[in-house]
Amino acid sequence: MESRRYIGAIPEGVYVSFEDYKILKADLARMTEERDSLRLTGTQANELTQRRMQVESLRQQLADQEAVIGTLKERLEMDFGYDADGNRVVALGIPDGIACRDATIQLQDDRISDLQAQLQAAREAAQTLDQMTPKRPNAITYEQGWKIIDHVRDVLLPTLTTPTPKEAT
């Protein structure tokens, strides 16, 4: 007789060789083990349910945050502008508050560096004036007096005038 390979139960009255029986028994043991390893304990099932709830909560929080970001972008007018007629138009690359702040900081840095250069020039002119002036003021000669006046007029006073700020580019 011909032996057949059966998965699961062997029908009654069917002849099965001993080798087939061992194969079926091993298959049944393997499948039982696989089934048992796939079963979740009560604790594991609760943990899985909690994880699923956490994931869903995080998805909801993400959606809420994206809505807030959209509102803030609209408030900063980052996604639209206005044309010459005052109509609202979608535009990309509109300067936002951060870009304006950065430009302001750059202008301030330029102004500070100009004022520092002016201060340095005034210090040098004052030091030169100090070297030109004798320690006793009544010991200044007529020629020294004119040199001092010329130095103050030509060198020191121009360093003390406020320079015009550079044009914003």
N, C-alpha and C. Protein backbone atom coordinates (compact mmCIF):
# COMPACT_ATOMS: atom_id res chain seq x y z
N MET A 1 0.82 -1.19 0.00
CA MET A 1 0.00 0.00 0.00
C MET A 1 0.86 1.25 0.00
N GLU A 2 0.27 2.24 -0.48
CA GLU A 2 0.96 3.52 -0.62
C GLU A 2 0.74 4.35 0.65
N SER A 3 1.81 4.91 1.18
CA SER A 3 1.67 5.74 2.37
C SER A 3 1.47 7.19 1.95
N ARG A 4 0.68 7.88 2.69
CA ARG A 4 0.43 9.30 2.41
C ARG A 4 0.89 10.15 3.59
N ARG A 5 1.20 11.37 3.27
CA ARG A 5 1.60 12.31 4.33
C ARG A 5 0.39 13.17 4.67
N TYR A 6 -0.02 13.18 5.94
CA TYR A 6 -1.18 13.93 6.38
C TYR A 6 -0.74 15.03 7.34
N ILE A 7 -1.34 16.16 7.20
CA ILE A 7 -1.11 17.24 8.16
C ILE A 7 -2.32 17.24 9.08
N GLY A 8 -2.08 17.16 10.36
CA GLY A 8 -3.18 17.15 11.31
C GLY A 8 -3.55 15.73 11.69
N ALA A 9 -4.85 15.47 11.83
CA ALA A 9 -5.32 14.17 12.31
C ALA A 9 -5.30 13.15 11.18
N ILE A 10 -5.06 11.87 11.55
CA ILE A 10 -5.08 10.77 10.58
C ILE A 10 -6.48 10.17 10.60
N PRO A 11 -7.14 10.13 9.45
CA PRO A 11 -8.50 9.56 9.44
C PRO A 11 -8.48 8.09 9.87
N GLU A 12 -9.55 7.70 10.50
CA GLU A 12 -9.65 6.33 11.00
C GLU A 12 -9.71 5.35 9.83
N GLY A 13 -9.03 4.22 9.97
CA GLY A 13 -9.01 3.19 8.94
C GLY A 13 -8.00 3.42 7.86
N VAL A 14 -7.17 4.45 7.97
CA VAL A 14 -6.15 4.72 6.96
C VAL A 14 -4.85 4.14 7.45
N TYR A 15 -4.18 3.45 6.57
CA TYR A 15 -2.92 2.82 6.91
C TYR A 15 -1.82 3.87 6.81
N VAL A 16 -0.98 3.93 7.87
CA VAL A 16 0.16 4.85 7.90
C VAL A 16 1.36 4.05 8.33
N SER A 17 2.43 4.21 7.60
CA SER A 17 3.64 3.49 7.95
C SER A 17 4.23 4.11 9.21
N PHE A 18 5.14 3.37 9.85
CA PHE A 18 5.76 3.83 11.07
C PHE A 18 6.60 5.09 10.82
N GLU A 19 7.27 5.15 9.66
CA GLU A 19 8.07 6.31 9.32
C GLU A 19 7.18 7.54 9.16
N ASP A 20 6.01 7.35 8.49
CA ASP A 20 5.07 8.47 8.34
C ASP A 20 4.54 8.90 9.70
N TYR A 21 4.30 7.92 10.57
CA TYR A 21 3.80 8.23 11.90
C TYR A 21 4.82 9.08 12.66
N LYS A 22 6.12 8.76 12.56
CA LYS A 22 7.15 9.52 13.24
C LYS A 22 7.23 10.95 12.67
N ILE A 23 7.07 11.06 11.35
CA ILE A 23 7.09 12.38 10.71
C ILE A 23 5.90 13.20 11.19
N LEU A 24 4.73 12.57 11.22
CA LEU A 24 3.53 13.28 11.66
C LEU A 24 3.64 13.70 13.12
N LYS A 25 4.18 12.82 13.94
CA LYS A 25 4.34 13.12 15.37
C LYS A 25 5.31 14.28 15.56
N ALA A 26 6.42 14.29 14.80
CA ALA A 26 7.40 15.38 14.89
C ALA A 26 6.79 16.69 14.40
N ASP A 27 6.00 16.62 13.30
CA ASP A 27 5.32 17.83 12.79
C ASP A 27 4.35 18.38 13.82
N LEU A 28 3.60 17.48 14.45
CA LEU A 28 2.64 17.89 15.46
C LEU A 28 3.34 18.53 16.65
N ALA A 29 4.46 17.98 17.09
CA ALA A 29 5.21 18.53 18.21
C ALA A 29 5.77 19.91 17.84
N ARG A 30 6.28 20.04 16.60
CA ARG A 30 6.83 21.32 16.14
C ARG A 30 5.74 22.38 16.08
N MET A 31 4.58 22.02 15.51
CA MET A 31 3.48 22.98 15.40
C MET A 31 2.94 23.37 16.77
N THR A 32 2.88 22.43 17.68
CA THR A 32 2.42 22.74 19.03
C THR A 32 3.37 23.71 19.71
N GLU A 33 4.66 23.48 19.52
CA GLU A 33 5.66 24.36 20.11
C GLU A 33 5.56 25.75 19.51
N GLU A 34 5.38 25.84 18.20
CA GLU A 34 5.25 27.13 17.53
C GLU A 34 4.00 27.86 18.03
N ARG A 35 2.91 27.11 18.16
CA ARG A 35 1.67 27.71 18.64
C ARG A 35 1.84 28.26 20.05
N ASP A 36 2.48 27.47 20.90
CA ASP A 36 2.68 27.89 22.29
C ASP A 36 3.60 29.12 22.38
N SER A 37 4.57 29.17 21.48
CA SER A 37 5.49 30.32 21.52
C SER A 37 4.80 31.58 21.01
N LEU A 38 3.75 31.41 20.20
CA LEU A 38 3.04 32.57 19.67
C LEU A 38 1.97 33.09 20.63
N ARG A 39 1.56 32.30 21.56
CA ARG A 39 0.55 32.73 22.51
C ARG A 39 1.13 33.78 23.45
N LEU A 40 0.33 34.78 23.74
CA LEU A 40 0.75 35.82 24.66
C LEU A 40 0.18 35.52 26.04
N THR A 41 0.98 35.79 27.02
CA THR A 41 0.46 35.66 28.37
C THR A 41 -0.45 36.86 28.63
N GLY A 42 -1.16 36.84 29.71
CA GLY A 42 -2.05 37.96 30.05
C GLY A 42 -1.30 39.25 30.22
N THR A 43 -0.13 39.18 30.85
CA THR A 43 0.69 40.37 31.06
C THR A 43 1.19 40.92 29.73
N GLN A 44 1.64 40.01 28.85
CA GLN A 44 2.14 40.45 27.55
C GLN A 44 1.02 41.09 26.74
N ALA A 45 -0.16 40.53 26.82
CA ALA A 45 -1.30 41.10 26.09
C ALA A 45 -1.63 42.49 26.62
N ASN A 46 -1.58 42.67 27.95
CA ASN A 46 -1.83 43.99 28.53
C ASN A 46 -0.77 45.00 28.11
N GLU A 47 0.50 44.55 28.12
CA GLU A 47 1.59 45.43 27.69
C GLU A 47 1.43 45.83 26.23
N LEU A 48 1.05 44.87 25.40
CA LEU A 48 0.84 45.16 23.98
C LEU A 48 -0.29 46.17 23.81
N THR A 49 -1.36 46.01 24.56
CA THR A 49 -2.49 46.95 24.47
C THR A 49 -2.05 48.33 24.93
N GLN A 50 -1.27 48.39 26.01
CA GLN A 50 -0.78 49.68 26.49
C GLN A 50 0.13 50.35 25.46
N ARG A 51 0.99 49.56 24.85
CA ARG A 51 1.88 50.11 23.80
C ARG A 51 1.07 50.66 22.64
N ARG A 52 0.05 49.92 22.23
CA ARG A 52 -0.79 50.40 21.12
C ARG A 52 -1.48 51.71 21.50
N MET A 53 -1.92 51.81 22.74
CA MET A 53 -2.57 53.04 23.19
C MET A 53 -1.56 54.19 23.24
N GLN A 54 -0.31 53.90 23.66
CA GLN A 54 0.73 54.92 23.68
C GLN A 54 1.04 55.40 22.27
N VAL A 55 1.13 54.46 21.33
CA VAL A 55 1.41 54.83 19.94
C VAL A 55 0.30 55.71 19.40
N GLU A 56 -0.93 55.36 19.69
CA GLU A 56 -2.07 56.16 19.22
C GLU A 56 -2.05 57.54 19.86
N SER A 57 -1.71 57.60 21.14
CA SER A 57 -1.60 58.88 21.83
C SER A 57 -0.51 59.75 21.21
N LEU A 58 0.64 59.13 20.91
CA LEU A 58 1.74 59.88 20.27
C LEU A 58 1.35 60.37 18.88
N ARG A 59 0.61 59.56 18.15
CA ARG A 59 0.15 60.00 16.82
C ARG A 59 -0.77 61.21 16.95
N GLN A 60 -1.63 61.19 17.96
CA GLN A 60 -2.54 62.32 18.19
C GLN A 60 -1.76 63.57 18.59
N GLN A 61 -0.76 63.40 19.45
CA GLN A 61 0.06 64.53 19.86
C GLN A 61 0.81 65.11 18.67
N LEU A 62 1.31 64.25 17.80
CA LEU A 62 2.01 64.70 16.60
C LEU A 62 1.08 65.50 15.70
N ALA A 63 -0.14 65.01 15.52
CA ALA A 63 -1.11 65.73 14.69
C ALA A 63 -1.43 67.10 15.31
N ASP A 64 -1.56 67.14 16.65
CA ASP A 64 -1.82 68.41 17.32
C ASP A 64 -0.67 69.38 17.14
N GLN A 65 0.57 68.88 17.27
CA GLN A 65 1.74 69.74 17.11
C GLN A 65 1.85 70.26 15.68
N GLU A 66 1.54 69.42 14.70
CA GLU A 66 1.58 69.87 13.32
C GLU A 66 0.55 70.97 13.08
N ALA A 67 -0.61 70.87 13.73
CA ALA A 67 -1.62 71.92 13.61
C ALA A 67 -1.11 73.22 14.22
N VAL A 68 -0.44 73.12 15.37
CA VAL A 68 0.10 74.31 16.02
C VAL A 68 1.17 74.94 15.14
N ILE A 69 2.03 74.13 14.56
CA ILE A 69 3.08 74.64 13.67
C ILE A 69 2.46 75.36 12.48
N GLY A 70 1.42 74.78 11.91
CA GLY A 70 0.73 75.44 10.79
C GLY A 70 0.16 76.78 11.19
N THR A 71 -0.42 76.85 12.39
CA THR A 71 -0.98 78.11 12.89
C THR A 71 0.12 79.16 13.08
N LEU A 72 1.25 78.72 13.65
CA LEU A 72 2.35 79.66 13.87
C LEU A 72 2.95 80.15 12.56
N LYS A 73 3.07 79.25 11.59
CA LYS A 73 3.59 79.67 10.28
C LYS A 73 2.66 80.70 9.64
N GLU A 74 1.37 80.47 9.77
CA GLU A 74 0.41 81.42 9.21
C GLU A 74 0.50 82.76 9.93
N ARG A 75 0.67 82.68 11.26
CA ARG A 75 0.77 83.90 12.05
C ARG A 75 2.01 84.70 11.68
N LEU A 76 3.10 84.00 11.38
CA LEU A 76 4.34 84.67 10.96
C LEU A 76 4.30 85.07 9.49
N GLU A 77 3.21 84.73 8.83
CA GLU A 77 3.04 85.02 7.40
C GLU A 77 4.18 84.42 6.58
N MET A 78 4.52 83.18 6.89
CA MET A 78 5.60 82.50 6.19
C MET A 78 5.12 81.82 4.91
N ASP A 79 3.82 81.70 4.74
CA ASP A 79 3.33 80.96 3.58
C ASP A 79 2.53 81.82 2.61
N PHE A 80 2.39 83.10 2.88
CA PHE A 80 1.68 83.96 1.95
C PHE A 80 2.20 85.38 2.07
N GLY A 81 1.83 86.18 1.10
CA GLY A 81 2.19 87.59 1.11
C GLY A 81 1.06 88.36 0.47
N TYR A 82 1.30 89.62 0.16
CA TYR A 82 0.27 90.45 -0.44
C TYR A 82 0.83 91.08 -1.71
N ASP A 83 0.00 91.14 -2.74
CA ASP A 83 0.44 91.78 -3.98
C ASP A 83 0.20 93.29 -3.88
N ALA A 84 0.46 94.01 -4.97
CA ALA A 84 0.34 95.46 -4.97
C ALA A 84 -1.09 95.94 -4.69
N ASP A 85 -2.08 95.12 -5.02
CA ASP A 85 -3.47 95.48 -4.78
C ASP A 85 -3.95 95.11 -3.38
N GLY A 86 -3.10 94.49 -2.59
CA GLY A 86 -3.48 94.09 -1.24
C GLY A 86 -4.12 92.72 -1.16
N ASN A 87 -4.10 91.98 -2.26
CA ASN A 87 -4.67 90.63 -2.26
C ASN A 87 -3.66 89.65 -1.68
N ARG A 88 -4.16 88.71 -0.92
CA ARG A 88 -3.29 87.70 -0.30
C ARG A 88 -2.90 86.66 -1.36
N VAL A 89 -1.59 86.42 -1.51
CA VAL A 89 -1.10 85.45 -2.49
C VAL A 89 -0.12 84.50 -1.80
N VAL A 90 -0.11 83.26 -2.27
CA VAL A 90 0.83 82.28 -1.73
C VAL A 90 2.21 82.60 -2.28
N ALA A 91 3.18 82.65 -1.40
CA ALA A 91 4.54 82.96 -1.82
C ALA A 91 5.52 82.23 -0.92
N LEU A 92 6.62 81.82 -1.49
CA LEU A 92 7.66 81.16 -0.72
C LEU A 92 8.84 82.10 -0.60
N GLY A 93 9.56 81.98 0.46
CA GLY A 93 10.76 82.79 0.63
C GLY A 93 10.51 84.17 1.20
N ILE A 94 9.35 84.39 1.81
CA ILE A 94 9.09 85.67 2.44
C ILE A 94 9.94 85.75 3.70
N PRO A 95 10.65 86.87 3.92
CA PRO A 95 11.46 86.97 5.12
C PRO A 95 10.59 86.84 6.37
N ASP A 96 11.03 86.06 7.29
CA ASP A 96 10.29 85.90 8.53
C ASP A 96 10.96 86.72 9.62
N GLY A 97 10.46 86.61 10.83
CA GLY A 97 10.98 87.38 11.94
C GLY A 97 12.44 87.09 12.23
N ILE A 98 12.86 85.86 12.02
CA ILE A 98 14.25 85.48 12.31
C ILE A 98 15.19 86.13 11.30
N ALA A 99 14.81 86.13 10.04
CA ALA A 99 15.65 86.76 9.02
C ALA A 99 15.76 88.26 9.27
N CYS A 100 14.65 88.89 9.68
CA CYS A 100 14.68 90.32 9.99
C CYS A 100 15.57 90.59 11.20
N ARG A 101 15.48 89.72 12.21
CA ARG A 101 16.32 89.87 13.39
C ARG A 101 17.79 89.75 13.01
N ASP A 102 18.12 88.78 12.16
CA ASP A 102 19.51 88.59 11.74
C ASP A 102 20.03 89.81 10.98
N ALA A 103 19.19 90.40 10.13
CA ALA A 103 19.59 91.59 9.40
C ALA A 103 19.82 92.76 10.35
N THR A 104 18.97 92.88 11.37
CA THR A 104 19.13 93.94 12.36
C THR A 104 20.43 93.75 13.14
N ILE A 105 20.72 92.54 13.52
CA ILE A 105 21.96 92.24 14.25
C ILE A 105 23.18 92.58 13.38
N GLN A 106 23.10 92.27 12.09
CA GLN A 106 24.21 92.59 11.19
C GLN A 106 24.42 94.10 11.11
N LEU A 107 23.32 94.87 11.01
CA LEU A 107 23.45 96.33 10.98
C LEU A 107 24.06 96.85 12.28
N GLN A 108 23.63 96.28 13.41
CA GLN A 108 24.19 96.70 14.70
C GLN A 108 25.68 96.35 14.79
N ASP A 109 26.05 95.17 14.32
CA ASP A 109 27.47 94.78 14.34
C ASP A 109 28.31 95.73 13.49
N ASP A 110 27.79 96.10 12.32
CA ASP A 110 28.51 97.04 11.46
C ASP A 110 28.67 98.40 12.15
N ARG A 111 27.61 98.86 12.79
CA ARG A 111 27.65 100.14 13.50
C ARG A 111 28.63 100.08 14.67
N ILE A 112 28.63 98.99 15.40
CA ILE A 112 29.55 98.83 16.53
C ILE A 112 30.99 98.85 16.04
N SER A 113 31.28 98.14 14.94
CA SER A 113 32.66 98.13 14.43
C SER A 113 33.07 99.52 13.96
N ASP A 114 32.14 100.29 13.34
CA ASP A 114 32.45 101.67 12.94
C ASP A 114 32.77 102.53 14.16
N LEU A 115 31.97 102.39 15.22
CA LEU A 115 32.19 103.18 16.42
C LEU A 115 33.49 102.77 17.13
N GLN A 116 33.82 101.49 17.10
CA GLN A 116 35.08 101.05 17.69
C GLN A 116 36.27 101.62 16.92
N ALA A 117 36.18 101.66 15.59
CA ALA A 117 37.25 102.24 14.79
C ALA A 117 37.38 103.74 15.09
N GLN A 118 36.23 104.42 15.22
CA GLN A 118 36.24 105.85 15.55
C GLN A 118 36.86 106.08 16.93
N LEU A 119 36.53 105.24 17.89
CA LEU A 119 37.09 105.36 19.24
C LEU A 119 38.61 105.15 19.23
N GLN A 120 39.06 104.17 18.48
CA GLN A 120 40.50 103.91 18.39
C GLN A 120 41.23 105.10 17.77
N ALA A 121 40.64 105.68 16.72
CA ALA A 121 41.27 106.84 16.09
C ALA A 121 41.30 108.03 17.06
N ALA A 122 40.24 108.21 17.83
CA ALA A 122 40.20 109.32 18.79
C ALA A 122 41.23 109.09 19.89
N ARG A 123 41.40 107.86 20.33
CA ARG A 123 42.42 107.57 21.36
C ARG A 123 43.82 107.87 20.85
N GLU A 124 44.07 107.49 19.59
CA GLU A 124 45.40 107.76 19.02
C GLU A 124 45.64 109.26 18.88
N ALA A 125 44.59 109.99 18.44
CA ALA A 125 44.73 111.44 18.29
C ALA A 125 44.94 112.09 19.65
N ALA A 126 44.23 111.61 20.67
CA ALA A 126 44.39 112.17 22.02
C ALA A 126 45.78 111.86 22.58
N GLN A 127 46.29 110.68 22.28
CA GLN A 127 47.63 110.32 22.75
C GLN A 127 48.68 111.21 22.08
N THR A 128 48.52 111.47 20.79
CA THR A 128 49.44 112.35 20.07
C THR A 128 49.36 113.76 20.66
N LEU A 129 48.13 114.21 20.95
CA LEU A 129 47.94 115.54 21.54
C LEU A 129 48.60 115.61 22.91
N ASP A 130 48.49 114.56 23.67
CA ASP A 130 49.13 114.51 24.99
C ASP A 130 50.64 114.60 24.87
N GLN A 131 51.18 113.95 23.85
CA GLN A 131 52.64 114.00 23.65
C GLN A 131 53.08 115.39 23.18
N MET A 132 52.24 116.08 22.45
CA MET A 132 52.57 117.41 21.93
C MET A 132 52.51 118.48 23.03
N THR A 133 51.68 118.25 24.03
CA THR A 133 51.46 119.26 25.05
C THR A 133 52.48 119.09 26.18
N PRO A 134 53.17 120.17 26.55
CA PRO A 134 54.09 120.08 27.67
C PRO A 134 53.33 119.90 28.99
N LYS A 135 54.01 119.43 29.99
CA LYS A 135 53.37 119.15 31.27
C LYS A 135 52.93 120.46 31.96
N ARG A 136 53.66 121.54 31.69
CA ARG A 136 53.27 122.83 32.24
C ARG A 136 52.61 123.65 31.14
N PRO A 137 51.31 123.95 31.26
CA PRO A 137 50.61 124.67 30.19
C PRO A 137 51.20 126.05 29.88
N ASN A 138 51.80 126.73 30.86
CA ASN A 138 52.34 128.07 30.59
C ASN A 138 53.65 127.99 29.82
N ALA A 139 54.19 126.75 29.57
CA ALA A 139 55.44 126.60 28.84
C ALA A 139 55.21 126.39 27.35
N ILE A 140 53.95 126.51 26.88
CA ILE A 140 53.64 126.30 25.45
C ILE A 140 54.07 127.55 24.68
N THR A 141 54.82 127.31 23.61
CA THR A 141 55.24 128.42 22.76
C THR A 141 54.14 128.71 21.75
N TYR A 142 54.31 129.83 21.05
CA TYR A 142 53.32 130.24 20.06
C TYR A 142 53.20 129.20 18.96
N GLU A 143 54.31 128.68 18.45
CA GLU A 143 54.30 127.69 17.39
C GLU A 143 53.67 126.37 17.88
N GLN A 144 54.01 125.98 19.12
CA GLN A 144 53.42 124.75 19.66
C GLN A 144 51.91 124.91 19.81
N GLY A 145 51.47 126.06 20.21
CA GLY A 145 50.04 126.32 20.37
C GLY A 145 49.29 126.12 19.05
N TRP A 146 49.88 126.69 17.96
CA TRP A 146 49.23 126.53 16.65
C TRP A 146 49.28 125.08 16.18
N LYS A 147 50.34 124.38 16.47
CA LYS A 147 50.41 122.96 16.10
C LYS A 147 49.34 122.16 16.85
N ILE A 148 49.16 122.50 18.13
CA ILE A 148 48.15 121.80 18.93
C ILE A 148 46.75 122.12 18.38
N ILE A 149 46.50 123.39 18.08
CA ILE A 149 45.19 123.79 17.54
C ILE A 149 44.94 123.11 16.20
N ASP A 150 45.93 123.07 15.34
CA ASP A 150 45.79 122.40 14.04
C ASP A 150 45.52 120.90 14.23
N HIS A 151 46.23 120.29 15.16
CA HIS A 151 46.03 118.85 15.41
C HIS A 151 44.61 118.57 15.91
N VAL A 152 44.14 119.42 16.83
CA VAL A 152 42.78 119.24 17.35
C VAL A 152 41.77 119.42 16.23
N ARG A 153 41.94 120.48 15.40
CA ARG A 153 40.99 120.77 14.31
C ARG A 153 41.05 119.70 13.21
N ASP A 154 42.23 119.28 12.81
CA ASP A 154 42.38 118.40 11.65
C ASP A 154 42.31 116.91 11.99
N VAL A 155 42.72 116.53 13.20
CA VAL A 155 42.82 115.11 13.53
C VAL A 155 41.81 114.69 14.60
N LEU A 156 41.79 115.41 15.72
CA LEU A 156 40.97 114.97 16.84
C LEU A 156 39.48 115.20 16.60
N LEU A 157 39.09 116.38 16.18
CA LEU A 157 37.66 116.66 15.98
C LEU A 157 36.99 115.77 14.93
N PRO A 158 37.63 115.48 13.80
CA PRO A 158 36.96 114.58 12.83
C PRO A 158 36.71 113.18 13.38
N THR A 159 37.55 112.75 14.32
CA THR A 159 37.32 111.42 14.89
C THR A 159 36.16 111.42 15.86
N LEU A 160 35.80 112.61 16.39
CA LEU A 160 34.72 112.68 17.37
C LEU A 160 33.35 112.92 16.73
N THR A 161 33.31 113.20 15.46
CA THR A 161 32.01 113.38 14.79
C THR A 161 31.39 112.02 14.53
N THR A 162 30.09 111.97 14.57
CA THR A 162 29.38 110.71 14.38
C THR A 162 29.33 110.39 12.90
N PRO A 163 29.88 109.24 12.50
CA PRO A 163 29.82 108.88 11.09
C PRO A 163 28.40 108.46 10.70
N THR A 164 28.08 108.69 9.47
CA THR A 164 26.77 108.24 8.98
C THR A 164 26.76 106.73 8.84
N PRO A 165 25.68 106.07 9.32
CA PRO A 165 25.62 104.60 9.17
C PRO A 165 25.58 104.19 7.70
N LYS A 166 26.14 103.04 7.43
CA LYS A 166 26.15 102.54 6.05
C LYS A 166 24.73 102.20 5.64
N GLU A 167 24.48 102.37 4.38
CA GLU A 167 23.16 102.02 3.83
C GLU A 167 22.93 100.52 3.97
N ALA A 168 21.72 100.13 4.34
CA ALA A 168 21.37 98.70 4.42
C ALA A 168 21.25 98.15 3.01
N THR A 169 21.91 97.03 2.80
CA THR A 169 21.85 96.42 1.45
C THR A 169 20.91 95.28 1.43
